[in-house]
């Protein structure tokens, strides 16, 4: 599903449930140590999404390696690889690409259900809240508040490897196109420097299907150098 909104140079693997290999042997020792104190549900999703990532790395012709959480939980990817993972109830996915093809990559998946009460006020800027209300009236099949949340998660996952800095929800303002399946995120803080250029807008794609909303941003290396 999520591969439909990613460019061809991205390898992606996903699962609509935890994989059979989610016993301890599915992890490298360093990964098992990182998750040793977690509850069973967290260990299962942690393992499954890493198995997805190793499948995706295999599509690039790369061997399986440990994928250990680093600072702020961000995965440490092999040299020359950009990657991203996501998991929610009922869905796990990972996407990877060679750094020669993409500068950064972010994906996120969420259930196509309204956000819990009080969350929208935390993640949305006033202009976004007004646009979400319009979208809900014209396209009621999509939980637009959840899509906004997902897109901002993808923005952060793209931003963080480029900066190593936090990005609050209100520090990016989104425009969502309900017909084209795209979104634009205008950063409200100075964007990262990419190939000597300040990048203040991230553009992404979204899809709603099978009870989920998924979002993705793929920042192409060639585009950043033009």
N, C-alpha and C. Protein backbone atom coordinates (compact mmCIF):
# COMPACT_ATOMS: atom_id res chain seq x y z
N UNK A 1 0.82 -1.21 0.00
CA UNK A 1 0.00 0.00 0.00
C UNK A 1 0.86 1.26 0.00
N UNK A 2 1.80 1.33 0.93
CA UNK A 2 2.58 2.56 1.05
C UNK A 2 3.55 2.75 -0.11
N UNK A 3 3.90 1.64 -0.77
CA UNK A 3 4.82 1.75 -1.90
C UNK A 3 4.20 2.55 -3.05
N UNK A 4 2.87 2.67 -3.08
CA UNK A 4 2.21 3.41 -4.15
C UNK A 4 2.48 4.91 -4.10
N UNK A 5 2.91 5.41 -2.95
CA UNK A 5 3.16 6.84 -2.82
C UNK A 5 4.65 7.14 -2.64
N UNK A 6 5.48 6.16 -3.01
CA UNK A 6 6.93 6.33 -2.94
C UNK A 6 7.52 6.20 -4.34
N UNK A 7 8.62 6.90 -4.63
CA UNK A 7 9.23 6.80 -5.96
C UNK A 7 9.89 5.44 -6.18
N UNK A 8 10.22 5.16 -7.42
CA UNK A 8 10.70 3.84 -7.81
C UNK A 8 12.02 3.47 -7.15
N UNK A 9 12.84 4.45 -6.79
CA UNK A 9 14.14 4.13 -6.21
C UNK A 9 14.06 3.74 -4.74
N UNK A 10 12.86 3.76 -4.18
CA UNK A 10 12.66 3.36 -2.78
C UNK A 10 12.23 1.90 -2.73
N UNK A 11 12.87 1.12 -1.86
CA UNK A 11 12.46 -0.25 -1.58
C UNK A 11 11.63 -0.25 -0.31
N UNK A 12 10.49 -0.92 -0.35
CA UNK A 12 9.55 -0.88 0.76
C UNK A 12 9.05 -2.28 1.07
N UNK A 13 8.85 -2.57 2.35
CA UNK A 13 8.24 -3.82 2.79
C UNK A 13 7.27 -3.50 3.90
N UNK A 14 6.15 -4.21 3.92
CA UNK A 14 5.13 -3.92 4.92
C UNK A 14 4.42 -5.19 5.35
N UNK A 15 3.67 -5.08 6.44
CA UNK A 15 2.91 -6.22 6.97
C UNK A 15 1.67 -5.68 7.67
N UNK A 16 0.55 -6.38 7.49
CA UNK A 16 -0.68 -6.00 8.17
C UNK A 16 -0.84 -6.72 9.50
N UNK A 17 0.23 -7.26 10.01
CA UNK A 17 0.24 -7.89 11.33
C UNK A 17 1.66 -8.27 11.68
N UNK A 18 1.86 -8.77 12.87
CA UNK A 18 3.20 -9.17 13.26
C UNK A 18 3.59 -10.45 12.57
N UNK A 19 4.83 -10.52 12.12
CA UNK A 19 5.32 -11.65 11.36
C UNK A 19 5.61 -12.85 12.26
N UNK A 20 5.59 -14.03 11.67
CA UNK A 20 5.79 -15.25 12.43
C UNK A 20 7.18 -15.31 13.06
N UNK A 21 8.13 -14.57 12.48
CA UNK A 21 9.51 -14.62 12.96
C UNK A 21 9.75 -13.72 14.17
N UNK A 22 8.68 -13.25 14.83
CA UNK A 22 8.87 -12.26 15.88
C UNK A 22 9.31 -12.86 17.20
N UNK A 23 9.85 -14.05 17.20
CA UNK A 23 10.52 -14.56 18.38
C UNK A 23 11.88 -13.87 18.52
N UNK A 24 12.58 -14.13 19.60
CA UNK A 24 13.83 -13.43 19.87
C UNK A 24 14.85 -13.63 18.75
N UNK A 25 14.81 -14.77 18.05
CA UNK A 25 15.79 -15.00 17.00
C UNK A 25 15.60 -14.08 15.81
N UNK A 26 14.49 -13.33 15.77
CA UNK A 26 14.29 -12.37 14.70
C UNK A 26 15.12 -11.11 14.86
N UNK A 27 15.78 -10.95 16.01
CA UNK A 27 16.55 -9.74 16.29
C UNK A 27 18.03 -10.05 16.42
N UNK A 28 18.85 -9.07 16.07
CA UNK A 28 20.27 -9.11 16.39
C UNK A 28 20.42 -8.83 17.89
N UNK A 29 21.53 -9.27 18.51
CA UNK A 29 21.71 -9.05 19.95
C UNK A 29 21.58 -7.59 20.38
N UNK A 30 22.13 -6.67 19.60
CA UNK A 30 22.05 -5.25 19.96
C UNK A 30 20.60 -4.76 19.93
N UNK A 31 19.82 -5.27 18.99
CA UNK A 31 18.40 -4.90 18.92
C UNK A 31 17.64 -5.48 20.11
N UNK A 32 17.90 -6.75 20.41
CA UNK A 32 17.23 -7.40 21.54
C UNK A 32 17.53 -6.67 22.84
N UNK A 33 18.76 -6.21 23.00
CA UNK A 33 19.13 -5.48 24.21
C UNK A 33 18.37 -4.16 24.30
N UNK A 34 18.16 -3.51 23.14
CA UNK A 34 17.48 -2.22 23.13
C UNK A 34 16.02 -2.32 23.54
N UNK A 35 15.43 -3.51 23.36
CA UNK A 35 14.00 -3.68 23.59
C UNK A 35 13.73 -4.63 24.75
N UNK A 36 14.76 -5.03 25.47
CA UNK A 36 14.64 -6.09 26.47
C UNK A 36 13.61 -5.78 27.56
N UNK A 37 13.46 -4.54 27.94
CA UNK A 37 12.58 -4.19 29.05
C UNK A 37 11.17 -3.80 28.59
N UNK A 38 10.91 -3.89 27.31
CA UNK A 38 9.61 -3.47 26.79
C UNK A 38 8.57 -4.57 26.98
N UNK A 39 7.31 -4.19 26.92
CA UNK A 39 6.22 -5.16 27.01
C UNK A 39 6.16 -5.96 25.71
N UNK A 40 5.43 -7.07 25.73
CA UNK A 40 5.41 -8.00 24.60
C UNK A 40 4.92 -7.31 23.32
N UNK A 41 3.87 -6.50 23.41
CA UNK A 41 3.33 -5.83 22.22
C UNK A 41 4.39 -4.96 21.57
N UNK A 42 5.13 -4.22 22.37
CA UNK A 42 6.17 -3.34 21.83
C UNK A 42 7.29 -4.18 21.21
N UNK A 43 7.67 -5.28 21.82
CA UNK A 43 8.71 -6.13 21.25
C UNK A 43 8.28 -6.69 19.90
N UNK A 44 7.00 -7.05 19.78
CA UNK A 44 6.51 -7.63 18.52
C UNK A 44 6.53 -6.60 17.39
N UNK A 45 6.05 -5.38 17.65
CA UNK A 45 6.04 -4.38 16.59
C UNK A 45 7.46 -3.94 16.26
N UNK A 46 8.32 -3.84 17.26
CA UNK A 46 9.72 -3.48 17.06
C UNK A 46 10.39 -4.52 16.16
N UNK A 47 10.14 -5.80 16.43
CA UNK A 47 10.76 -6.86 15.65
C UNK A 47 10.21 -6.89 14.23
N UNK A 48 8.89 -6.83 14.10
CA UNK A 48 8.28 -6.92 12.77
C UNK A 48 8.74 -5.80 11.86
N UNK A 49 8.79 -4.58 12.36
CA UNK A 49 9.17 -3.47 11.50
C UNK A 49 10.64 -3.58 11.09
N UNK A 50 11.47 -4.19 11.93
CA UNK A 50 12.87 -4.41 11.55
C UNK A 50 13.01 -5.54 10.55
N UNK A 51 12.19 -6.55 10.66
CA UNK A 51 12.18 -7.59 9.63
C UNK A 51 11.74 -7.01 8.29
N UNK A 52 10.75 -6.10 8.32
CA UNK A 52 10.35 -5.41 7.10
C UNK A 52 11.52 -4.60 6.53
N UNK A 53 12.24 -3.91 7.41
CA UNK A 53 13.36 -3.10 6.95
C UNK A 53 14.45 -3.96 6.33
N UNK A 54 14.71 -5.13 6.91
CA UNK A 54 15.74 -5.99 6.35
C UNK A 54 15.31 -6.55 4.99
N UNK A 55 14.02 -6.82 4.84
CA UNK A 55 13.52 -7.24 3.53
C UNK A 55 13.72 -6.13 2.50
N UNK A 56 13.43 -4.89 2.91
CA UNK A 56 13.60 -3.75 2.00
C UNK A 56 15.08 -3.56 1.65
N UNK A 57 15.96 -3.69 2.64
CA UNK A 57 17.40 -3.58 2.36
C UNK A 57 17.83 -4.67 1.38
N UNK A 58 17.25 -5.86 1.53
CA UNK A 58 17.56 -6.95 0.61
C UNK A 58 17.19 -6.62 -0.82
N UNK A 59 16.09 -5.86 -1.01
CA UNK A 59 15.70 -5.45 -2.36
C UNK A 59 16.73 -4.52 -2.99
N UNK A 60 17.49 -3.82 -2.15
CA UNK A 60 18.58 -2.98 -2.65
C UNK A 60 19.87 -3.76 -2.82
N UNK A 61 19.83 -5.06 -2.52
CA UNK A 61 21.02 -5.89 -2.62
C UNK A 61 21.94 -5.78 -1.44
N UNK A 62 21.41 -5.32 -0.30
CA UNK A 62 22.22 -5.11 0.90
C UNK A 62 21.95 -6.21 1.92
N UNK A 63 22.96 -6.59 2.70
CA UNK A 63 22.80 -7.67 3.68
C UNK A 63 22.02 -7.22 4.90
N UNK A 64 21.44 -8.16 5.66
CA UNK A 64 20.77 -7.81 6.91
C UNK A 64 21.77 -7.30 7.94
N UNK A 65 21.41 -6.25 8.63
CA UNK A 65 22.27 -5.66 9.66
C UNK A 65 21.41 -5.26 10.85
N UNK A 66 22.02 -5.09 12.03
CA UNK A 66 21.26 -4.56 13.17
C UNK A 66 20.76 -3.15 12.88
N UNK A 67 19.55 -2.86 13.29
CA UNK A 67 18.95 -1.53 13.13
C UNK A 67 18.57 -1.05 14.52
N UNK A 68 19.52 -0.40 15.16
CA UNK A 68 19.40 -0.05 16.57
C UNK A 68 18.89 1.38 16.72
N UNK A 69 17.99 1.63 17.65
CA UNK A 69 17.56 3.02 17.88
C UNK A 69 18.72 3.87 18.39
N UNK A 70 18.83 5.07 17.83
CA UNK A 70 19.84 6.01 18.28
C UNK A 70 19.19 7.13 19.08
N UNK A 71 19.70 8.33 18.91
CA UNK A 71 19.17 9.49 19.61
C UNK A 71 17.70 9.70 19.27
N UNK A 72 16.90 9.95 20.27
CA UNK A 72 15.45 10.16 20.15
C UNK A 72 14.75 8.97 19.48
N UNK A 73 15.37 7.80 19.54
CA UNK A 73 14.77 6.61 18.97
C UNK A 73 14.93 6.46 17.48
N UNK A 74 15.60 7.43 16.83
CA UNK A 74 15.79 7.37 15.38
C UNK A 74 16.70 6.19 15.03
N UNK A 75 16.31 5.41 14.05
CA UNK A 75 17.07 4.23 13.65
C UNK A 75 18.41 4.63 13.03
N UNK A 76 19.45 3.91 13.39
CA UNK A 76 20.77 4.10 12.79
C UNK A 76 20.86 3.17 11.58
N UNK A 77 20.87 3.77 10.39
CA UNK A 77 20.88 3.01 9.15
C UNK A 77 22.30 2.76 8.67
N UNK A 78 22.51 1.76 7.81
CA UNK A 78 23.86 1.51 7.28
C UNK A 78 24.38 2.71 6.49
N UNK A 79 25.70 2.79 6.41
CA UNK A 79 26.34 3.84 5.63
C UNK A 79 25.80 3.82 4.20
N UNK A 80 25.45 5.00 3.69
CA UNK A 80 25.00 5.11 2.31
C UNK A 80 23.54 4.80 2.11
N UNK A 81 22.78 4.66 3.21
CA UNK A 81 21.36 4.33 3.13
C UNK A 81 20.56 5.37 3.90
N UNK A 82 19.43 5.78 3.35
CA UNK A 82 18.44 6.53 4.11
C UNK A 82 17.23 5.63 4.29
N UNK A 83 16.59 5.74 5.44
CA UNK A 83 15.47 4.84 5.71
C UNK A 83 14.51 5.42 6.71
N UNK A 84 13.37 4.77 6.82
CA UNK A 84 12.32 5.21 7.72
C UNK A 84 11.39 4.03 8.01
N UNK A 85 10.80 4.04 9.19
CA UNK A 85 9.89 2.98 9.61
C UNK A 85 8.61 3.60 10.17
N UNK A 86 7.56 2.79 10.18
CA UNK A 86 6.32 3.20 10.83
C UNK A 86 5.57 1.97 11.31
N UNK A 87 4.83 2.14 12.39
CA UNK A 87 3.95 1.05 12.85
C UNK A 87 2.79 1.66 13.62
N UNK A 88 1.63 1.07 13.40
CA UNK A 88 0.44 1.40 14.17
C UNK A 88 -0.34 0.10 14.32
N UNK A 89 -1.44 0.13 15.03
CA UNK A 89 -2.22 -1.08 15.23
C UNK A 89 -2.63 -1.67 13.89
N UNK A 90 -2.13 -2.87 13.57
CA UNK A 90 -2.52 -3.56 12.36
C UNK A 90 -1.68 -3.30 11.14
N UNK A 91 -0.63 -2.49 11.25
CA UNK A 91 0.18 -2.20 10.08
C UNK A 91 1.59 -1.83 10.49
N UNK A 92 2.60 -2.38 9.78
CA UNK A 92 4.00 -2.04 9.96
C UNK A 92 4.63 -1.88 8.59
N UNK A 93 5.57 -0.97 8.44
CA UNK A 93 6.23 -0.77 7.16
C UNK A 93 7.59 -0.13 7.36
N UNK A 94 8.47 -0.39 6.40
CA UNK A 94 9.78 0.24 6.36
C UNK A 94 10.11 0.56 4.92
N UNK A 95 10.82 1.65 4.72
CA UNK A 95 11.23 2.06 3.37
C UNK A 95 12.68 2.51 3.42
N UNK A 96 13.44 2.13 2.41
CA UNK A 96 14.86 2.48 2.35
C UNK A 96 15.23 2.86 0.93
N UNK A 97 16.31 3.63 0.82
CA UNK A 97 16.85 4.01 -0.49
C UNK A 97 18.32 4.30 -0.32
N UNK A 98 19.03 4.30 -1.42
CA UNK A 98 20.43 4.68 -1.38
C UNK A 98 20.54 6.19 -1.24
N UNK A 99 21.50 6.62 -0.43
CA UNK A 99 21.69 8.05 -0.20
C UNK A 99 22.06 8.79 -1.48
N UNK A 100 22.59 8.09 -2.46
CA UNK A 100 22.87 8.72 -3.75
C UNK A 100 21.61 9.10 -4.49
N UNK A 101 20.49 8.44 -4.15
CA UNK A 101 19.22 8.71 -4.82
C UNK A 101 18.33 9.66 -4.02
N UNK A 102 18.31 9.50 -2.71
CA UNK A 102 17.46 10.33 -1.86
C UNK A 102 18.28 10.96 -0.75
N UNK A 103 17.95 12.21 -0.45
CA UNK A 103 18.60 12.91 0.65
C UNK A 103 17.98 12.54 1.99
N UNK A 104 16.68 12.35 2.00
CA UNK A 104 15.99 11.95 3.23
C UNK A 104 14.64 11.35 2.86
N UNK A 105 14.06 10.63 3.83
CA UNK A 105 12.86 9.84 3.56
C UNK A 105 12.05 9.75 4.84
N UNK A 106 10.74 9.93 4.74
CA UNK A 106 9.87 9.79 5.90
C UNK A 106 8.54 9.17 5.52
N UNK A 107 8.09 8.17 6.30
CA UNK A 107 6.77 7.59 6.09
C UNK A 107 6.05 7.50 7.43
N UNK A 108 4.74 7.47 7.37
CA UNK A 108 3.94 7.26 8.58
C UNK A 108 2.61 6.63 8.21
N UNK A 109 2.11 5.78 9.09
CA UNK A 109 0.80 5.15 8.92
C UNK A 109 -0.01 5.32 10.20
N UNK A 110 -1.29 5.56 10.04
CA UNK A 110 -2.20 5.74 11.17
C UNK A 110 -3.55 5.12 10.83
N UNK A 111 -4.32 4.73 11.83
CA UNK A 111 -5.69 4.29 11.54
C UNK A 111 -6.52 5.45 11.01
N UNK A 112 -7.40 5.16 10.07
CA UNK A 112 -8.25 6.21 9.50
C UNK A 112 -9.42 6.46 10.44
N UNK A 113 -9.08 7.00 11.59
CA UNK A 113 -10.03 7.30 12.66
C UNK A 113 -9.71 8.68 13.23
N UNK A 114 -10.70 9.37 13.79
CA UNK A 114 -10.42 10.68 14.38
C UNK A 114 -9.37 10.60 15.48
N UNK A 115 -8.60 11.67 15.61
CA UNK A 115 -7.64 11.75 16.70
C UNK A 115 -8.36 11.73 18.05
N UNK A 116 -7.69 11.22 19.09
CA UNK A 116 -8.28 11.30 20.43
C UNK A 116 -8.56 12.75 20.81
N UNK A 117 -9.54 12.94 21.66
CA UNK A 117 -9.95 14.28 22.08
C UNK A 117 -8.76 15.05 22.66
N UNK A 118 -8.60 16.28 22.22
CA UNK A 118 -7.55 17.15 22.74
C UNK A 118 -6.26 17.11 21.95
N UNK A 119 -6.08 16.12 21.07
CA UNK A 119 -4.81 16.00 20.35
C UNK A 119 -4.72 17.02 19.21
N UNK A 120 -5.84 17.24 18.51
CA UNK A 120 -5.80 18.16 17.37
C UNK A 120 -5.33 19.55 17.80
N UNK A 121 -5.75 19.99 18.96
CA UNK A 121 -5.36 21.32 19.44
C UNK A 121 -3.85 21.42 19.64
N UNK A 122 -3.21 20.29 19.87
CA UNK A 122 -1.76 20.26 20.08
C UNK A 122 -1.00 20.26 18.76
N UNK A 123 -1.55 19.57 17.75
CA UNK A 123 -0.78 19.35 16.51
C UNK A 123 -1.11 20.34 15.40
N UNK A 124 -2.26 21.01 15.46
CA UNK A 124 -2.69 21.84 14.32
C UNK A 124 -2.54 23.33 14.62
N UNK A 125 -2.13 24.06 13.61
CA UNK A 125 -2.14 25.51 13.65
C UNK A 125 -3.55 26.00 13.32
N UNK A 126 -3.93 27.22 13.72
CA UNK A 126 -5.31 27.70 13.49
C UNK A 126 -5.76 27.60 12.03
N UNK A 127 -4.89 27.97 11.10
CA UNK A 127 -5.27 27.91 9.68
C UNK A 127 -5.51 26.46 9.25
N UNK A 128 -4.76 25.54 9.80
CA UNK A 128 -4.95 24.13 9.46
C UNK A 128 -6.29 23.63 9.99
N UNK A 129 -6.65 24.03 11.19
CA UNK A 129 -7.92 23.59 11.78
C UNK A 129 -9.10 24.02 10.89
N UNK A 130 -9.04 25.25 10.37
CA UNK A 130 -10.10 25.73 9.49
C UNK A 130 -10.16 24.92 8.20
N UNK A 131 -8.99 24.59 7.64
CA UNK A 131 -8.98 23.81 6.40
C UNK A 131 -9.47 22.38 6.64
N UNK A 132 -9.14 21.82 7.79
CA UNK A 132 -9.60 20.46 8.10
C UNK A 132 -11.13 20.40 8.16
N UNK A 133 -11.74 21.43 8.71
CA UNK A 133 -13.20 21.46 8.78
C UNK A 133 -13.81 21.46 7.37
N UNK A 134 -13.20 22.21 6.45
CA UNK A 134 -13.68 22.23 5.07
C UNK A 134 -13.51 20.86 4.41
N UNK A 135 -12.38 20.23 4.63
CA UNK A 135 -12.13 18.91 4.06
C UNK A 135 -13.10 17.87 4.61
N UNK A 136 -13.41 17.96 5.88
CA UNK A 136 -14.34 17.00 6.49
C UNK A 136 -15.73 17.11 5.89
N UNK A 137 -16.12 18.33 5.52
CA UNK A 137 -17.44 18.51 4.90
C UNK A 137 -17.46 17.98 3.47
N UNK A 138 -16.38 18.20 2.73
CA UNK A 138 -16.37 17.84 1.31
C UNK A 138 -15.93 16.40 1.05
N UNK A 139 -15.13 15.82 1.95
CA UNK A 139 -14.61 14.46 1.77
C UNK A 139 -14.68 13.72 3.11
N UNK A 140 -15.85 13.34 3.54
CA UNK A 140 -16.02 12.79 4.89
C UNK A 140 -15.45 11.39 5.10
N UNK A 141 -15.02 10.70 4.04
CA UNK A 141 -14.52 9.34 4.20
C UNK A 141 -13.13 9.29 4.82
N UNK A 142 -12.43 10.42 4.86
CA UNK A 142 -11.08 10.48 5.40
C UNK A 142 -11.09 11.23 6.73
N UNK A 143 -10.38 10.69 7.71
CA UNK A 143 -10.20 11.40 8.98
C UNK A 143 -9.05 12.39 8.79
N UNK A 144 -9.39 13.61 8.42
CA UNK A 144 -8.38 14.58 8.02
C UNK A 144 -7.50 15.01 9.17
N UNK A 145 -8.03 15.01 10.38
CA UNK A 145 -7.17 15.36 11.51
C UNK A 145 -6.08 14.31 11.70
N UNK A 146 -6.44 13.04 11.49
CA UNK A 146 -5.44 11.97 11.61
C UNK A 146 -4.44 12.05 10.45
N UNK A 147 -4.92 12.40 9.26
CA UNK A 147 -4.02 12.55 8.13
C UNK A 147 -3.03 13.69 8.37
N UNK A 148 -3.51 14.79 8.92
CA UNK A 148 -2.62 15.90 9.26
C UNK A 148 -1.54 15.44 10.23
N UNK A 149 -1.96 14.70 11.26
CA UNK A 149 -1.00 14.17 12.24
C UNK A 149 0.03 13.29 11.55
N UNK A 150 -0.43 12.38 10.68
CA UNK A 150 0.47 11.48 9.99
C UNK A 150 1.45 12.24 9.11
N UNK A 151 0.95 13.21 8.36
CA UNK A 151 1.83 13.99 7.48
C UNK A 151 2.89 14.73 8.28
N UNK A 152 2.52 15.24 9.43
CA UNK A 152 3.51 15.94 10.26
C UNK A 152 4.54 14.97 10.83
N UNK A 153 4.12 13.75 11.10
CA UNK A 153 5.09 12.73 11.50
C UNK A 153 6.07 12.46 10.37
N UNK A 154 5.58 12.37 9.14
CA UNK A 154 6.47 12.17 8.00
C UNK A 154 7.41 13.36 7.81
N UNK A 155 6.89 14.56 8.05
CA UNK A 155 7.75 15.75 7.98
C UNK A 155 8.89 15.63 8.99
N UNK A 156 8.56 15.26 10.22
CA UNK A 156 9.60 15.16 11.24
C UNK A 156 10.63 14.09 10.88
N UNK A 157 10.15 12.94 10.40
CA UNK A 157 11.07 11.86 10.06
C UNK A 157 11.99 12.24 8.90
N UNK A 158 11.55 13.13 8.03
CA UNK A 158 12.39 13.64 6.95
C UNK A 158 13.35 14.70 7.47
N UNK A 159 12.86 15.55 8.34
CA UNK A 159 13.62 16.67 8.90
C UNK A 159 14.75 16.21 9.81
N UNK A 160 14.46 15.27 10.69
CA UNK A 160 15.39 14.97 11.78
C UNK A 160 16.76 14.49 11.30
N UNK A 161 16.85 13.56 10.32
CA UNK A 161 18.18 13.14 9.88
C UNK A 161 19.00 14.27 9.25
N UNK A 162 18.34 15.30 8.76
CA UNK A 162 19.03 16.43 8.14
C UNK A 162 19.52 17.45 9.14
N UNK A 163 18.91 17.47 10.33
CA UNK A 163 19.20 18.52 11.30
C UNK A 163 19.65 18.01 12.67
N UNK A 164 19.15 16.83 13.07
CA UNK A 164 19.40 16.35 14.42
C UNK A 164 18.66 17.16 15.46
N UNK A 165 17.66 17.94 15.05
CA UNK A 165 16.92 18.82 15.94
C UNK A 165 15.46 18.41 16.03
N UNK A 166 14.83 18.76 17.16
CA UNK A 166 13.40 18.55 17.31
C UNK A 166 12.64 19.50 16.39
N UNK A 167 11.43 19.12 16.04
CA UNK A 167 10.53 19.98 15.26
C UNK A 167 9.15 19.82 15.85
N UNK A 168 8.64 20.87 16.47
CA UNK A 168 7.31 20.80 17.08
C UNK A 168 6.24 20.77 16.00
N UNK A 169 5.06 20.25 16.35
CA UNK A 169 3.97 20.14 15.38
C UNK A 169 3.61 21.48 14.77
N UNK A 170 3.61 22.54 15.58
CA UNK A 170 3.20 23.84 15.05
C UNK A 170 4.28 24.51 14.22
N UNK A 171 5.45 23.90 14.11
CA UNK A 171 6.54 24.49 13.34
C UNK A 171 6.52 24.07 11.87
N UNK A 172 5.45 23.41 11.47
CA UNK A 172 5.21 23.12 10.05
C UNK A 172 3.73 23.32 9.78
N UNK A 173 3.39 24.04 8.72
CA UNK A 173 2.00 24.26 8.36
C UNK A 173 1.71 23.55 7.04
N UNK A 174 0.65 22.74 7.04
CA UNK A 174 0.36 21.88 5.90
C UNK A 174 -0.82 22.37 5.08
N UNK A 175 -0.67 22.19 3.76
CA UNK A 175 -1.79 22.28 2.82
C UNK A 175 -1.98 20.89 2.24
N UNK A 176 -3.19 20.34 2.36
CA UNK A 176 -3.48 19.00 1.87
C UNK A 176 -4.38 19.10 0.65
N UNK A 177 -4.00 18.46 -0.44
CA UNK A 177 -4.81 18.42 -1.65
C UNK A 177 -5.61 17.12 -1.65
N UNK A 178 -6.94 17.19 -1.47
CA UNK A 178 -7.73 15.96 -1.37
C UNK A 178 -7.90 15.23 -2.69
N UNK A 179 -7.71 15.92 -3.79
CA UNK A 179 -7.90 15.30 -5.10
C UNK A 179 -6.62 14.67 -5.63
N UNK A 180 -5.50 15.36 -5.47
CA UNK A 180 -4.23 14.88 -6.01
C UNK A 180 -3.55 13.87 -5.09
N UNK A 181 -3.98 13.81 -3.82
CA UNK A 181 -3.31 12.93 -2.87
C UNK A 181 -1.93 13.42 -2.50
N UNK A 182 -1.77 14.74 -2.39
CA UNK A 182 -0.48 15.33 -2.06
C UNK A 182 -0.63 16.30 -0.88
N UNK A 183 0.50 16.69 -0.32
CA UNK A 183 0.49 17.75 0.70
C UNK A 183 1.81 18.52 0.61
N UNK A 184 1.75 19.77 1.07
CA UNK A 184 2.93 20.63 1.16
C UNK A 184 3.06 21.09 2.59
N UNK A 185 4.26 20.96 3.14
CA UNK A 185 4.54 21.40 4.50
C UNK A 185 5.49 22.59 4.44
N UNK A 186 5.00 23.76 4.86
CA UNK A 186 5.83 24.95 4.91
C UNK A 186 6.40 25.07 6.32
N UNK A 187 7.71 24.98 6.43
CA UNK A 187 8.35 25.07 7.73
C UNK A 187 8.23 26.48 8.28
N UNK A 188 7.95 26.59 9.56
CA UNK A 188 7.83 27.89 10.22
C UNK A 188 9.11 28.26 10.96
N UNK A 189 10.13 27.47 10.79
CA UNK A 189 11.46 27.73 11.32
C UNK A 189 12.44 27.58 10.15
N UNK A 190 13.67 28.07 10.28
CA UNK A 190 14.62 27.90 9.17
C UNK A 190 14.79 26.44 8.80
N UNK A 191 14.64 26.15 7.52
CA UNK A 191 14.75 24.78 7.05
C UNK A 191 16.19 24.30 7.02
N UNK A 192 16.40 23.00 6.83
CA UNK A 192 17.75 22.47 6.77
C UNK A 192 18.48 22.93 5.52
N UNK A 193 19.79 23.00 5.61
CA UNK A 193 20.61 23.29 4.44
C UNK A 193 20.87 21.98 3.70
N UNK A 194 20.46 21.93 2.45
CA UNK A 194 20.65 20.74 1.61
C UNK A 194 21.36 21.18 0.34
N UNK A 195 22.57 20.66 0.14
CA UNK A 195 23.39 21.03 -1.01
C UNK A 195 23.55 22.56 -1.10
N UNK A 196 23.71 23.19 0.08
CA UNK A 196 23.94 24.62 0.13
C UNK A 196 22.70 25.48 0.01
N UNK A 197 21.52 24.85 -0.14
CA UNK A 197 20.26 25.58 -0.28
C UNK A 197 19.39 25.36 0.95
N UNK A 198 18.71 26.44 1.38
CA UNK A 198 17.79 26.33 2.50
C UNK A 198 16.48 25.71 2.01
N UNK A 199 16.07 24.61 2.63
CA UNK A 199 14.87 23.90 2.22
C UNK A 199 13.74 24.23 3.19
N UNK A 200 12.79 25.03 2.76
CA UNK A 200 11.72 25.50 3.63
C UNK A 200 10.38 24.82 3.38
N UNK A 201 10.28 24.00 2.34
CA UNK A 201 9.04 23.32 2.01
C UNK A 201 9.35 21.85 1.74
N UNK A 202 8.57 20.97 2.39
CA UNK A 202 8.61 19.54 2.09
C UNK A 202 7.32 19.18 1.36
N UNK A 203 7.43 18.41 0.29
CA UNK A 203 6.26 17.98 -0.45
C UNK A 203 6.12 16.47 -0.31
N UNK A 204 4.88 16.01 -0.09
CA UNK A 204 4.66 14.59 0.12
C UNK A 204 3.38 14.10 -0.53
N UNK A 205 3.13 12.81 -0.34
CA UNK A 205 1.92 12.18 -0.87
C UNK A 205 1.20 11.44 0.25
N UNK A 206 -0.09 11.20 0.03
CA UNK A 206 -0.88 10.47 1.02
C UNK A 206 -1.86 9.53 0.32
N UNK A 207 -2.33 8.57 1.10
CA UNK A 207 -3.29 7.58 0.60
C UNK A 207 -4.15 7.12 1.76
N UNK A 208 -5.43 6.93 1.52
CA UNK A 208 -6.34 6.36 2.52
C UNK A 208 -6.93 5.08 1.96
N UNK A 209 -6.66 3.95 2.65
CA UNK A 209 -7.11 2.66 2.14
C UNK A 209 -7.07 1.62 3.27
N UNK A 210 -7.98 0.67 3.19
CA UNK A 210 -8.00 -0.49 4.09
C UNK A 210 -8.02 -0.08 5.57
N UNK A 211 -8.64 1.06 5.84
CA UNK A 211 -8.78 1.50 7.22
C UNK A 211 -7.60 2.27 7.75
N UNK A 212 -6.66 2.66 6.87
CA UNK A 212 -5.48 3.40 7.29
C UNK A 212 -5.31 4.66 6.45
N UNK A 213 -4.60 5.63 6.99
CA UNK A 213 -4.06 6.72 6.20
C UNK A 213 -2.54 6.60 6.26
N UNK A 214 -1.89 6.74 5.11
CA UNK A 214 -0.44 6.65 5.04
C UNK A 214 0.09 7.89 4.33
N UNK A 215 1.25 8.35 4.78
CA UNK A 215 1.87 9.54 4.20
C UNK A 215 3.34 9.25 3.95
N UNK A 216 3.92 9.97 2.99
CA UNK A 216 5.32 9.75 2.66
C UNK A 216 5.93 11.01 2.06
N UNK A 217 7.20 11.24 2.40
CA UNK A 217 8.00 12.29 1.80
C UNK A 217 9.30 11.66 1.33
N UNK A 218 9.66 11.86 0.08
CA UNK A 218 10.91 11.37 -0.46
C UNK A 218 11.66 12.55 -1.07
N UNK A 219 12.70 12.97 -0.41
CA UNK A 219 13.47 14.13 -0.86
C UNK A 219 14.59 13.65 -1.78
N UNK A 220 14.42 13.88 -3.06
CA UNK A 220 15.36 13.34 -4.04
C UNK A 220 16.68 14.12 -4.02
N UNK A 221 17.77 13.39 -4.07
CA UNK A 221 19.09 14.00 -4.02
C UNK A 221 19.33 14.91 -5.23
N UNK A 222 18.91 14.46 -6.43
CA UNK A 222 19.13 15.26 -7.65
C UNK A 222 18.41 16.60 -7.56
N UNK A 223 17.18 16.58 -7.00
CA UNK A 223 16.41 17.82 -6.91
C UNK A 223 17.08 18.80 -5.96
N UNK A 224 17.70 18.28 -4.90
CA UNK A 224 18.33 19.15 -3.92
C UNK A 224 19.59 19.81 -4.46
N UNK A 225 20.14 19.29 -5.56
CA UNK A 225 21.39 19.82 -6.08
C UNK A 225 21.17 20.76 -7.27
N UNK A 226 19.92 20.90 -7.69
CA UNK A 226 19.65 21.73 -8.85
C UNK A 226 19.66 23.21 -8.50
